Amino acid sequence: MPIDDLGTLEYKLKKRGFRRDDVFLHVCEKCHEQAVLTYLIAGKGGGRDIHLCQACGDARSWRSGAGLETRAEDVGFDLRAFLG
């Protein structure tokens, strides 16, 4: 299902300090469409990557600890609940 409120989601992500990782669209592991937007935020205490598929609406997130050397997937991540 396509995302109807993509503009609102992007606004809320930018308001929280996230930025687009790159301008390219990546392949979704769920629907196999090339429609995934990648957002990230990083700081001294760690960071978070969010992948959002424009085609099916799937959102996945990874958290990284201090030093940004290791990433762990945030299983059960809900983008709308995260953004409030």
PDB file of N, CA and C in Angstrom:
ATOM      1  N   MET A   1       0.841  -1.174   0.000  1.00  0.00           N
ATOM      2  CA  MET A   1       0.000   0.000   0.000  1.00  0.00           C
ATOM      3  C   MET A   1       0.885   1.236   0.000  1.00  0.00           C
ATOM      4  N   PRO A   2       0.713   2.115  -0.952  1.00  0.00           N
ATOM      5  CA  PRO A   2       1.511   3.342  -1.025  1.00  0.00           C
ATOM      6  C   PRO A   2       1.258   4.247   0.183  1.00  0.00           C
ATOM      7  N   ILE A   3       2.209   5.105   0.450  1.00  0.00           N
ATOM      8  CA  ILE A   3       2.130   5.990   1.605  1.00  0.00           C
ATOM      9  C   ILE A   3       1.417   7.280   1.208  1.00  0.00           C
ATOM     10  N   ASP A   4       0.253   7.525   1.819  1.00  0.00           N
ATOM     11  CA  ASP A   4      -0.518   8.724   1.506  1.00  0.00           C
ATOM     12  C   ASP A   4       0.047   9.965   2.185  1.00  0.00           C
ATOM     13  N   ASP A   5       0.647   9.793   3.360  1.00  0.00           N
ATOM     14  CA  ASP A   5       1.128  10.936   4.140  1.00  0.00           C
ATOM     15  C   ASP A   5       2.658  11.019   4.161  1.00  0.00           C
ATOM     16  N   LEU A   6       3.298  10.743   3.020  1.00  0.00           N
ATOM     17  CA  LEU A   6       4.755  10.756   2.948  1.00  0.00           C
ATOM     18  C   LEU A   6       5.322  12.127   3.306  1.00  0.00           C
ATOM     19  N   GLY A   7       4.696  13.187   2.841  1.00  0.00           N
ATOM     20  CA  GLY A   7       5.162  14.536   3.153  1.00  0.00           C
ATOM     21  C   GLY A   7       5.162  14.811   4.646  1.00  0.00           C
ATOM     22  N   THR A   8       4.124  14.371   5.329  1.00  0.00           N
ATOM     23  CA  THR A   8       4.027  14.555   6.783  1.00  0.00           C
ATOM     24  C   THR A   8       5.099  13.747   7.501  1.00  0.00           C
ATOM     25  N   LEU A   9       5.304  12.504   7.072  1.00  0.00           N
ATOM     26  CA  LEU A   9       6.326  11.663   7.692  1.00  0.00           C
ATOM     27  C   LEU A   9       7.716  12.266   7.504  1.00  0.00           C
ATOM     28  N   GLU A  10       8.011  12.756   6.287  1.00  0.00           N
ATOM     29  CA  GLU A  10       9.313  13.373   6.034  1.00  0.00           C
ATOM     30  C   GLU A  10       9.497  14.629   6.872  1.00  0.00           C
ATOM     31  N   TYR A  11       8.444  15.427   7.018  1.00  0.00           N
ATOM     32  CA  TYR A  11       8.516  16.631   7.848  1.00  0.00           C
ATOM     33  C   TYR A  11       8.851  16.271   9.295  1.00  0.00           C
ATOM     34  N   LYS A  12       8.179  15.250   9.827  1.00  0.00           N
ATOM     35  CA  LYS A  12       8.421  14.842  11.212  1.00  0.00           C
ATOM     36  C   LYS A  12       9.822  14.260  11.394  1.00  0.00           C
ATOM     37  N   LEU A  13      10.304  13.523  10.399  1.00  0.00           N
ATOM     38  CA  LEU A  13      11.664  12.989  10.471  1.00  0.00           C
ATOM     39  C   LEU A  13      12.688  14.124  10.478  1.00  0.00           C
ATOM     40  N   LYS A  14      12.506  15.107   9.594  1.00  0.00           N
ATOM     41  CA  LYS A  14      13.430  16.245   9.544  1.00  0.00           C
ATOM     42  C   LYS A  14      13.382  17.048  10.832  1.00  0.00           C
ATOM     43  N   LYS A  15      12.195  17.171  11.405  1.00  0.00           N
ATOM     44  CA  LYS A  15      12.041  17.908  12.658  1.00  0.00           C
ATOM     45  C   LYS A  15      12.815  17.226  13.786  1.00  0.00           C
ATOM     46  N   ARG A  16      12.919  15.903  13.736  1.00  0.00           N
ATOM     47  CA  ARG A  16      13.669  15.147  14.747  1.00  0.00           C
ATOM     48  C   ARG A  16      15.162  15.082  14.440  1.00  0.00           C
ATOM     49  N   GLY A  17      15.589  15.650  13.315  1.00  0.00           N
ATOM     50  CA  GLY A  17      17.012  15.679  12.989  1.00  0.00           C
ATOM     51  C   GLY A  17      17.475  14.645  11.983  1.00  0.00           C
ATOM     52  N   PHE A  18      16.561  13.855  11.435  1.00  0.00           N
ATOM     53  CA  PHE A  18      16.931  12.865  10.430  1.00  0.00           C
ATOM     54  C   PHE A  18      17.171  13.552   9.097  1.00  0.00           C
ATOM     55  N   ARG A  19      18.043  12.955   8.295  1.00  0.00           N
ATOM     56  CA  ARG A  19      18.288  13.448   6.941  1.00  0.00           C
ATOM     57  C   ARG A  19      18.334  12.258   5.995  1.00  0.00           C
ATOM     58  N   ARG A  20      18.089  12.532   4.716  1.00  0.00           N
ATOM     59  CA  ARG A  20      18.175  11.461   3.712  1.00  0.00           C
ATOM     60  C   ARG A  20      19.620  11.024   3.590  1.00  0.00           C
ATOM     61  N   ASP A  21      19.849   9.736   3.587  1.00  0.00           N
ATOM     62  CA  ASP A  21      21.202   9.198   3.477  1.00  0.00           C
ATOM     63  C   ASP A  21      21.755   9.404   2.076  1.00  0.00           C
ATOM     64  N   ASP A  22      20.950   9.163   1.069  1.00  0.00           N
ATOM     65  CA  ASP A  22      21.352   9.386  -0.317  1.00  0.00           C
ATOM     66  C   ASP A  22      20.110   9.625  -1.163  1.00  0.00           C
ATOM     67  N   VAL A  23      20.318  10.016  -2.408  1.00  0.00           N
ATOM     68  CA  VAL A  23      19.187  10.342  -3.277  1.00  0.00           C
ATOM     69  C   VAL A  23      18.672   9.122  -4.046  1.00  0.00           C
ATOM     70  N   PHE A  24      19.370   8.005  -3.940  1.00  0.00           N
ATOM     71  CA  PHE A  24      18.979   6.806  -4.672  1.00  0.00           C
ATOM     72  C   PHE A  24      17.889   6.034  -3.936  1.00  0.00           C
ATOM     73  N   LEU A  25      17.042   5.369  -4.698  1.00  0.00           N
ATOM     74  CA  LEU A  25      16.032   4.482  -4.128  1.00  0.00           C
ATOM     75  C   LEU A  25      16.611   3.073  -4.089  1.00  0.00           C
ATOM     76  N   HIS A  26      16.419   2.386  -2.976  1.00  0.00           N
ATOM     77  CA  HIS A  26      16.960   1.048  -2.798  1.00  0.00           C
ATOM     78  C   HIS A  26      15.855   0.007  -2.943  1.00  0.00           C
ATOM     79  N   VAL A  27      16.230  -1.253  -3.082  1.00  0.00           N
ATOM     80  CA  VAL A  27      15.281  -2.350  -3.273  1.00  0.00           C
ATOM     81  C   VAL A  27      14.701  -2.769  -1.923  1.00  0.00           C
ATOM     82  N   CYS A  28      13.381  -2.901  -1.877  1.00  0.00           N
ATOM     83  CA  CYS A  28      12.677  -3.326  -0.668  1.00  0.00           C
ATOM     84  C   CYS A  28      12.796  -4.847  -0.532  1.00  0.00           C
ATOM     85  N   GLU A  29      13.150  -5.310   0.667  1.00  0.00           N
ATOM     86  CA  GLU A  29      13.268  -6.750   0.904  1.00  0.00           C
ATOM     87  C   GLU A  29      11.903  -7.428   0.984  1.00  0.00           C
ATOM     88  N   LYS A  30      10.858  -6.656   1.226  1.00  0.00           N
ATOM     89  CA  LYS A  30       9.514  -7.222   1.381  1.00  0.00           C
ATOM     90  C   LYS A  30       8.787  -7.344   0.034  1.00  0.00           C
ATOM     91  N   CYS A  31       8.746  -6.246  -0.747  1.00  0.00           N
ATOM     92  CA  CYS A  31       7.987  -6.260  -2.007  1.00  0.00           C
ATOM     93  C   CYS A  31       8.881  -6.288  -3.253  1.00  0.00           C
ATOM     94  N   HIS A  32      10.198  -6.180  -3.078  1.00  0.00           N
ATOM     95  CA  HIS A  32      11.195  -6.243  -4.150  1.00  0.00           C
ATOM     96  C   HIS A  32      11.087  -5.108  -5.163  1.00  0.00           C
ATOM     97  N   GLU A  33      10.448  -4.006  -4.794  1.00  0.00           N
ATOM     98  CA  GLU A  33      10.391  -2.817  -5.644  1.00  0.00           C
ATOM     99  C   GLU A  33      11.563  -1.907  -5.287  1.00  0.00           C
ATOM    100  N   GLN A  34      12.043  -1.150  -6.254  1.00  0.00           N
ATOM    101  CA  GLN A  34      13.111  -0.189  -5.989  1.00  0.00           C
ATOM    102  C   GLN A  34      12.449   1.116  -5.561  1.00  0.00           C
ATOM    103  N   ALA A  35      12.089   1.201  -4.265  1.00  0.00           N
ATOM    104  CA  ALA A  35      11.325   2.340  -3.766  1.00  0.00           C
ATOM    105  C   ALA A  35      11.648   2.701  -2.318  1.00  0.00           C
ATOM    106  N   VAL A  36      12.796   2.254  -1.799  1.00  0.00           N
ATOM    107  CA  VAL A  36      13.116   2.476  -0.387  1.00  0.00           C
ATOM    108  C   VAL A  36      13.906   3.767  -0.196  1.00  0.00           C
ATOM    109  N   LEU A  37      13.376   4.635   0.669  1.00  0.00           N
ATOM    110  CA  LEU A  37      14.058   5.860   1.081  1.00  0.00           C
ATOM    111  C   LEU A  37      14.821   5.557   2.366  1.00  0.00           C
ATOM    112  N   THR A  38      16.024   6.100   2.500  1.00  0.00           N
ATOM    113  CA  THR A  38      16.851   5.852   3.676  1.00  0.00           C
ATOM    114  C   THR A  38      17.095   7.161   4.415  1.00  0.00           C
ATOM    115  N   TYR A  39      16.784   7.165   5.715  1.00  0.00           N
ATOM    116  CA  TYR A  39      16.992   8.334   6.571  1.00  0.00           C
ATOM    117  C   TYR A  39      17.935   7.940   7.693  1.00  0.00           C
ATOM    118  N   LEU A  40      18.751   8.891   8.159  1.00  0.00           N
ATOM    119  CA  LEU A  40      19.628   8.574   9.276  1.00  0.00           C
ATOM    120  C   LEU A  40      19.851   9.777  10.168  1.00  0.00           C
ATOM    121  N   ILE A  41      20.230   9.459  11.394  1.00  0.00           N
ATOM    122  CA  ILE A  41      20.633  10.456  12.377  1.00  0.00           C
ATOM    123  C   ILE A  41      21.796   9.827  13.138  1.00  0.00           C
ATOM    124  N   ALA A  42      22.816  10.633  13.424  1.00  0.00           N
ATOM    125  CA  ALA A  42      23.981  10.112  14.137  1.00  0.00           C
ATOM    126  C   ALA A  42      24.520  11.175  15.080  1.00  0.00           C
ATOM    127  N   GLY A  43      25.033  10.719  16.187  1.00  0.00           N
ATOM    128  CA  GLY A  43      25.629  11.610  17.173  1.00  0.00           C
ATOM    129  C   GLY A  43      26.654  10.856  17.993  1.00  0.00           C
ATOM    130  N   LYS A  44      27.178  11.502  19.020  1.00  0.00           N
ATOM    131  CA  LYS A  44      28.201  10.873  19.865  1.00  0.00           C
ATOM    132  C   LYS A  44      27.671   9.634  20.580  1.00  0.00           C
ATOM    133  N   GLY A  45      26.411   9.663  20.960  1.00  0.00           N
ATOM    134  CA  GLY A  45      25.832   8.547  21.711  1.00  0.00           C
ATOM    135  C   GLY A  45      25.306   7.421  20.859  1.00  0.00           C
ATOM    136  N   GLY A  46      25.379   7.542  19.549  1.00  0.00           N
ATOM    137  CA  GLY A  46      24.873   6.508  18.653  1.00  0.00           C
ATOM    138  C   GLY A  46      24.031   7.111  17.546  1.00  0.00           C
ATOM    139  N   GLY A  47      23.197   6.295  16.935  1.00  0.00           N
ATOM    140  CA  GLY A  47      22.386   6.784  15.831  1.00  0.00           C
ATOM    141  C   GLY A  47      21.282   5.809  15.476  1.00  0.00           C
ATOM    142  N   ARG A  48      20.570   6.152  14.421  1.00  0.00           N
ATOM    143  CA  ARG A  48      19.465   5.314  13.955  1.00  0.00           C
ATOM    144  C   ARG A  48      19.344   5.479  12.446  1.00  0.00           C
ATOM    145  N   ASP A  49      19.117   4.360  11.755  1.00  0.00           N
ATOM    146  CA  ASP A  49      18.823   4.342  10.321  1.00  0.00           C
ATOM    147  C   ASP A  49      17.384   3.899  10.167  1.00  0.00           C
ATOM    148  N   ILE A  50      16.647   4.565   9.291  1.00  0.00           N
ATOM    149  CA  ILE A  50      15.270   4.176   8.994  1.00  0.00           C
ATOM    150  C   ILE A  50      15.145   3.974   7.490  1.00  0.00           C
ATOM    151  N   HIS A  51      14.612   2.820   7.091  1.00  0.00           N
ATOM    152  CA  HIS A  51      14.347   2.525   5.687  1.00  0.00           C
ATOM    153  C   HIS A  51      12.833   2.489   5.513  1.00  0.00           C
ATOM    154  N   LEU A  52      12.328   3.282   4.577  1.00  0.00           N
ATOM    155  CA  LEU A  52      10.893   3.400   4.341  1.00  0.00           C
ATOM    156  C   LEU A  52      10.588   3.129   2.876  1.00  0.00           C
ATOM    157  N   CYS A  53       9.790   2.097   2.608  1.00  0.00           N
ATOM    158  CA  CYS A  53       9.417   1.741   1.241  1.00  0.00           C
ATOM    159  C   CYS A  53       8.197   2.546   0.815  1.00  0.00           C
ATOM    160  N   GLN A  54       8.329   3.252  -0.297  1.00  0.00           N
ATOM    161  CA  GLN A  54       7.211   4.041  -0.820  1.00  0.00           C
ATOM    162  C   GLN A  54       6.158   3.167  -1.486  1.00  0.00           C
ATOM    163  N   ALA A  55       6.527   1.973  -1.913  1.00  0.00           N
ATOM    164  CA  ALA A  55       5.599   1.097  -2.626  1.00  0.00           C
ATOM    165  C   ALA A  55       4.675   0.333  -1.685  1.00  0.00           C
ATOM    166  N   CYS A  56       5.251  -0.300  -0.646  1.00  0.00           N
ATOM    167  CA  CYS A  56       4.423  -1.136   0.234  1.00  0.00           C
ATOM    168  C   CYS A  56       4.233  -0.542   1.627  1.00  0.00           C
ATOM    169  N   GLY A  57       4.974   0.515   1.969  1.00  0.00           N
ATOM    170  CA  GLY A  57       4.820   1.164   3.270  1.00  0.00           C
ATOM    171  C   GLY A  57       5.616   0.520   4.388  1.00  0.00           C
ATOM    172  N   ASP A  58       6.434  -0.480   4.070  1.00  0.00           N
ATOM    173  CA  ASP A  58       7.236  -1.154   5.100  1.00  0.00           C
ATOM    174  C   ASP A  58       8.293  -0.200   5.651  1.00  0.00           C
ATOM    175  N   ALA A  59       8.416  -0.146   6.972  1.00  0.00           N
ATOM    176  CA  ALA A  59       9.426   0.687   7.631  1.00  0.00           C
ATOM    177  C   ALA A  59      10.266  -0.196   8.540  1.00  0.00           C
ATOM    178  N   ARG A  60      11.586  -0.091   8.403  1.00  0.00           N
ATOM    179  CA  ARG A  60      12.517  -0.848   9.243  1.00  0.00           C
ATOM    180  C   ARG A  60      13.507   0.125   9.849  1.00  0.00           C
ATOM    181  N   SER A  61      14.029  -0.222  11.014  1.00  0.00           N
ATOM    182  CA  SER A  61      14.946   0.667  11.711  1.00  0.00           C
ATOM    183  C   SER A  61      16.086  -0.125  12.335  1.00  0.00           C
ATOM    184  N   TRP A  62      17.246   0.496  12.358  1.00  0.00           N
ATOM    185  CA  TRP A  62      18.425  -0.065  13.010  1.00  0.00           C
ATOM    186  C   TRP A  62      18.992   0.981  13.952  1.00  0.00           C
ATOM    187  N   ARG A  63      19.397   0.544  15.136  1.00  0.00           N
ATOM    188  CA  ARG A  63      20.042   1.423  16.112  1.00  0.00           C
ATOM    189  C   ARG A  63      21.517   1.066  16.187  1.00  0.00           C
ATOM    190  N   SER A  64      22.343   2.084  16.374  1.00  0.00           N
ATOM    191  CA  SER A  64      23.771   1.848  16.550  1.00  0.00           C
ATOM    192  C   SER A  64      24.223   2.524  17.831  1.00  0.00           C
ATOM    193  N   GLY A  65      25.173   1.904  18.483  1.00  0.00           N
ATOM    194  CA  GLY A  65      25.689   2.428  19.739  1.00  0.00           C
ATOM    195  C   GLY A  65      26.755   3.474  19.512  1.00  0.00           C
ATOM    196  N   ALA A  66      27.359   3.923  20.594  1.00  0.00           N
ATOM    197  CA  ALA A  66      28.426   4.918  20.515  1.00  0.00           C
ATOM    198  C   ALA A  66      29.544   4.396  19.620  1.00  0.00           C
ATOM    199  N   GLY A  67      30.058   5.268  18.787  1.00  0.00           N
ATOM    200  CA  GLY A  67      31.094   4.876  17.843  1.00  0.00           C
ATOM    201  C   GLY A  67      30.551   4.443  16.495  1.00  0.00           C
ATOM    202  N   LEU A  68      29.258   4.173  16.425  1.00  0.00           N
ATOM    203  CA  LEU A  68      28.559   3.807  15.186  1.00  0.00           C
ATOM    204  C   LEU A  68      29.196   2.607  14.484  1.00  0.00           C
ATOM    205  N   GLU A  69      29.777   1.682  15.258  1.00  0.00           N
ATOM    206  CA  GLU A  69      30.451   0.536  14.657  1.00  0.00           C
ATOM    207  C   GLU A  69      29.536  -0.668  14.476  1.00  0.00           C
ATOM    208  N   THR A  70      28.564  -0.850  15.361  1.00  0.00           N
ATOM    209  CA  THR A  70      27.664  -1.997  15.248  1.00  0.00           C
ATOM    210  C   THR A  70      26.224  -1.512  15.144  1.00  0.00           C
ATOM    211  N   ARG A  71      25.431  -2.252  14.382  1.00  0.00           N
ATOM    212  CA  ARG A  71      24.011  -1.921  14.231  1.00  0.00           C
ATOM    213  C   ARG A  71      23.174  -3.108  14.662  1.00  0.00           C
ATOM    214  N   ALA A  72      22.020  -2.802  15.272  1.00  0.00           N
ATOM    215  CA  ALA A  72      21.072  -3.850  15.661  1.00  0.00           C
ATOM    216  C   ALA A  72      19.693  -3.437  15.168  1.00  0.00           C
ATOM    217  N   GLU A  73      19.002  -4.358  14.488  1.00  0.00           N
ATOM    218  CA  GLU A  73      17.673  -4.031  13.973  1.00  0.00           C
ATOM    219  C   GLU A  73      16.685  -3.884  15.121  1.00  0.00           C
ATOM    220  N   ASP A  74      15.865  -2.867  15.029  1.00  0.00           N
ATOM    221  CA  ASP A  74      14.815  -2.604  16.012  1.00  0.00           C
ATOM    222  C   ASP A  74      13.582  -3.391  15.557  1.00  0.00           C
ATOM    223  N   VAL A  75      13.468  -4.622  16.022  1.00  0.00           N
ATOM    224  CA  VAL A  75      12.385  -5.524  15.607  1.00  0.00           C
ATOM    225  C   VAL A  75      11.047  -4.980  16.118  1.00  0.00           C
ATOM    226  N   GLY A  76      10.030  -5.002  15.263  1.00  0.00           N
ATOM    227  CA  GLY A  76       8.713  -4.495  15.646  1.00  0.00           C
ATOM    228  C   GLY A  76       8.613  -2.983  15.575  1.00  0.00           C
ATOM    229  N   PHE A  77       9.523  -2.345  14.837  1.00  0.00           N
ATOM    230  CA  PHE A  77       9.545  -0.890  14.727  1.00  0.00           C
ATOM    231  C   PHE A  77       8.281  -0.384  14.036  1.00  0.00           C
ATOM    232  N   ASP A  78       7.640   0.632  14.621  1.00  0.00           N
ATOM    233  CA  ASP A  78       6.451   1.273  14.063  1.00  0.00           C
ATOM    234  C   ASP A  78       6.778   2.747  13.856  1.00  0.00           C
ATOM    235  N   LEU A  79       6.933   3.158  12.605  1.00  0.00           N
ATOM    236  CA  LEU A  79       7.361   4.520  12.292  1.00  0.00           C
ATOM    237  C   LEU A  79       6.390   5.568  12.811  1.00  0.00           C
ATOM    238  N   ARG A  80       5.102   5.349  12.625  1.00  0.00           N
ATOM    239  CA  ARG A  80       4.116   6.344  13.071  1.00  0.00           C
ATOM    240  C   ARG A  80       4.094   6.485  14.593  1.00  0.00           C
ATOM    241  N   ALA A  81       4.247   5.385  15.313  1.00  0.00           N
ATOM    242  CA  ALA A  81       4.318   5.450  16.777  1.00  0.00           C
ATOM    243  C   ALA A  81       5.611   6.140  17.212  1.00  0.00           C
ATOM    244  N   PHE A  82       6.705   5.885  16.508  1.00  0.00           N
ATOM    245  CA  PHE A  82       7.994   6.498  16.812  1.00  0.00           C
ATOM    246  C   PHE A  82       7.937   8.017  16.636  1.00  0.00           C
ATOM    247  N   LEU A  83       7.252   8.463  15.572  1.00  0.00           N
ATOM    248  CA  LEU A  83       7.170   9.902  15.294  1.00  0.00           C
ATOM    249  C   LEU A  83       6.087  10.598  16.109  1.00  0.00           C
ATOM    250  N   GLY A  84       5.180   9.828  16.668  1.00  0.00           N
ATOM    251  CA  GLY A  84       4.136  10.410  17.522  1.00  0.00           C
ATOM    252  C   GLY A  84       3.002  10.944  16.793  1.00  0.00           C
TER     253      GLY A  84
END
